[in-house]
Protein backbone atom coordinates (compact mmCIF):
# COMPACT_ATOMS: atom_id res chain seq x y z
CA MET A 1 0.06 -0.03 -0.01
CA PHE A 2 2.91 2.23 0.62
CA VAL A 3 4.08 2.18 -3.01
CA ALA A 4 0.63 3.11 -4.41
CA TYR A 5 0.30 6.01 -1.74
CA VAL A 6 3.70 7.37 -2.81
CA ALA A 7 3.28 6.85 -6.55
CA LEU A 8 -0.39 8.28 -6.61
CA THR A 9 0.86 11.22 -4.48
CA ILE A 10 3.56 12.13 -6.67
CA LEU A 11 1.31 11.79 -9.84
CA ALA A 12 -1.36 13.84 -8.27
CA ALA A 13 1.30 16.36 -7.29
CA LEU A 14 2.73 16.57 -10.84
CA PHE A 15 -0.78 16.93 -12.34
CA SER A 16 -1.88 19.71 -9.90
CA GLY A 17 1.53 21.43 -9.93
CA SER A 18 1.54 21.54 -13.80
CA ALA A 19 -2.14 22.86 -13.82
CA ALA A 20 -1.02 25.53 -11.28
CA VAL A 21 1.93 26.78 -13.23
CA VAL A 22 -0.33 26.93 -16.41
CA TYR A 23 -2.86 29.05 -14.47
CA LEU A 24 -0.25 31.09 -12.80
CA ILE A 25 1.69 32.08 -15.87
CA GLY A 26 -1.35 33.25 -17.68
CA HIS A 27 -1.39 30.62 -20.45
CA PRO A 28 -4.21 31.05 -23.07
CA PHE A 29 -5.67 27.70 -22.23
CA PRO A 30 -6.98 28.45 -18.79
CA LYS A 31 -8.07 31.82 -19.97
CA ALA A 32 -10.23 30.54 -22.78
CA GLN A 33 -11.61 27.87 -20.09
CA LEU A 34 -12.70 30.78 -17.79
CA ARG A 35 -14.11 32.72 -20.80
CA MET A 36 -16.11 29.60 -21.83
CA LYS A 37 -17.42 28.98 -18.40
CA GLY A 38 -18.32 32.83 -18.00
CA LEU A 39 -16.03 33.35 -15.09
CA PRO A 40 -13.91 36.46 -14.59
CA GLN A 41 -10.32 36.44 -15.76
CA TRP A 42 -9.05 37.39 -12.21
CA TRP A 43 -10.08 33.91 -11.03
CA GLY A 44 -7.07 32.37 -13.00
CA PRO A 45 -4.43 33.43 -10.50
CA VAL A 46 -6.85 32.34 -7.65
CA LEU A 47 -7.40 28.97 -9.13
CA GLY A 48 -3.86 28.65 -9.92
CA GLY A 49 -3.04 29.29 -6.19
CA LEU A 50 -5.55 26.75 -5.04
CA LEU A 51 -3.86 24.10 -7.21
CA ALA A 52 -0.37 25.11 -6.04
CA ALA A 53 -1.49 25.04 -2.41
CA GLY A 54 -2.95 21.47 -3.09
CA THR A 55 0.30 20.41 -4.63
CA ALA A 56 2.25 21.75 -1.61
CA GLY A 57 -0.10 20.03 0.64
CA LEU A 58 0.12 16.60 -1.04
CA LEU A 59 4.05 16.86 -0.96
CA ALA A 60 3.87 17.96 2.71
CA GLY A 61 1.83 14.98 3.45
CA PHE A 62 4.83 12.76 3.33
CA VAL A 63 6.05 14.58 6.52
CA TRP A 64 2.49 15.65 8.13
CA PRO A 65 0.09 12.91 6.78
CA VAL A 66 -3.11 14.84 8.02
CA LEU A 67 -1.99 17.70 5.79
CA GLY A 68 -1.71 15.32 2.83
CA LEU A 69 -5.10 13.99 3.59
CA PHE A 70 -6.65 17.57 3.64
CA ALA A 71 -4.78 18.45 0.41
CA ALA A 72 -6.03 15.58 -1.42
CA GLY A 73 -9.57 16.19 -0.15
CA GLY A 74 -9.37 19.76 -1.18
CA LEU A 75 -8.31 18.84 -4.70
CA VAL A 76 -11.24 16.44 -5.02
CA LEU A 77 -13.50 19.35 -3.89
CA TYR A 78 -11.69 21.66 -6.30
CA PHE A 79 -12.43 19.21 -9.35
CA VAL A 80 -16.13 18.85 -8.27
CA GLY A 81 -16.36 22.58 -8.45
CA ALA A 82 -14.68 22.51 -11.73
CA LEU A 83 -17.40 19.88 -12.87
CA VAL A 84 -20.16 22.15 -11.68
CA ALA A 85 -18.77 25.02 -13.88
CA HIS A 86 -18.59 22.73 -16.87
CA LEU A 87 -21.97 21.50 -16.45
CA ARG A 88 -23.44 25.13 -15.64
CA VAL A 89 -22.49 26.26 -19.22
CA GLY A 90 -23.46 22.98 -20.72
CA SER A 91 -19.93 22.06 -21.73
CA ARG A 92 -19.56 18.17 -22.15
CA ASP A 93 -15.72 18.56 -22.95
CA LEU A 94 -14.68 16.56 -19.79
CA ALA A 95 -11.61 14.59 -20.95
CA ASN A 96 -9.05 16.67 -19.00
CA TRP A 97 -11.24 16.97 -15.98
CA SER A 98 -12.01 13.26 -15.75
CA LEU A 99 -8.17 12.40 -15.73
CA PHE A 100 -7.53 15.08 -12.97
CA PHE A 101 -10.38 14.06 -10.96
CA ALA A 102 -9.66 10.25 -11.20
CA VAL A 103 -5.93 10.74 -10.04
CA ASP A 104 -7.03 13.01 -7.18
CA VAL A 105 -10.03 10.59 -6.08
CA ALA A 106 -7.59 7.52 -6.29
CA THR A 107 -4.81 9.57 -4.36
CA PHE A 108 -7.54 10.72 -1.56
CA THR A 109 -8.71 6.96 -1.31
CA VAL A 110 -5.14 5.46 -1.07
CA ALA A 111 -4.22 8.15 1.59
CA VAL A 112 -7.22 7.39 3.60
CA ILE A 113 -6.62 3.61 3.57
CA TYR A 114 -2.79 4.12 4.21
CA HIS A 115 -3.18 6.50 7.05
CA VAL A 116 -6.31 5.56 8.61
């Protein structure tokens, strides 16, 4: 179980960290996503900051397990919110979302099983 926990945590940190960077540098893709969802552009850095905090929390979870659990749970909630934003505007382009969500749910599940 330890190997699965470490592997999934690192994978989730890579996914969330890369998404955070894309949001924080102002890449056109997240800007287009915000426009499509009818959200203000100033949300980009905020969402990037949330993703960065989740990434940091996942990695800090190797030292403080409860922080990793909260970070993984927070990322799951983040992507539930992303799903709501997609569905609110009728977007059915959920391929990227489903990959991120699946990795975060798996990470949270394995972290709970490993630590509790």
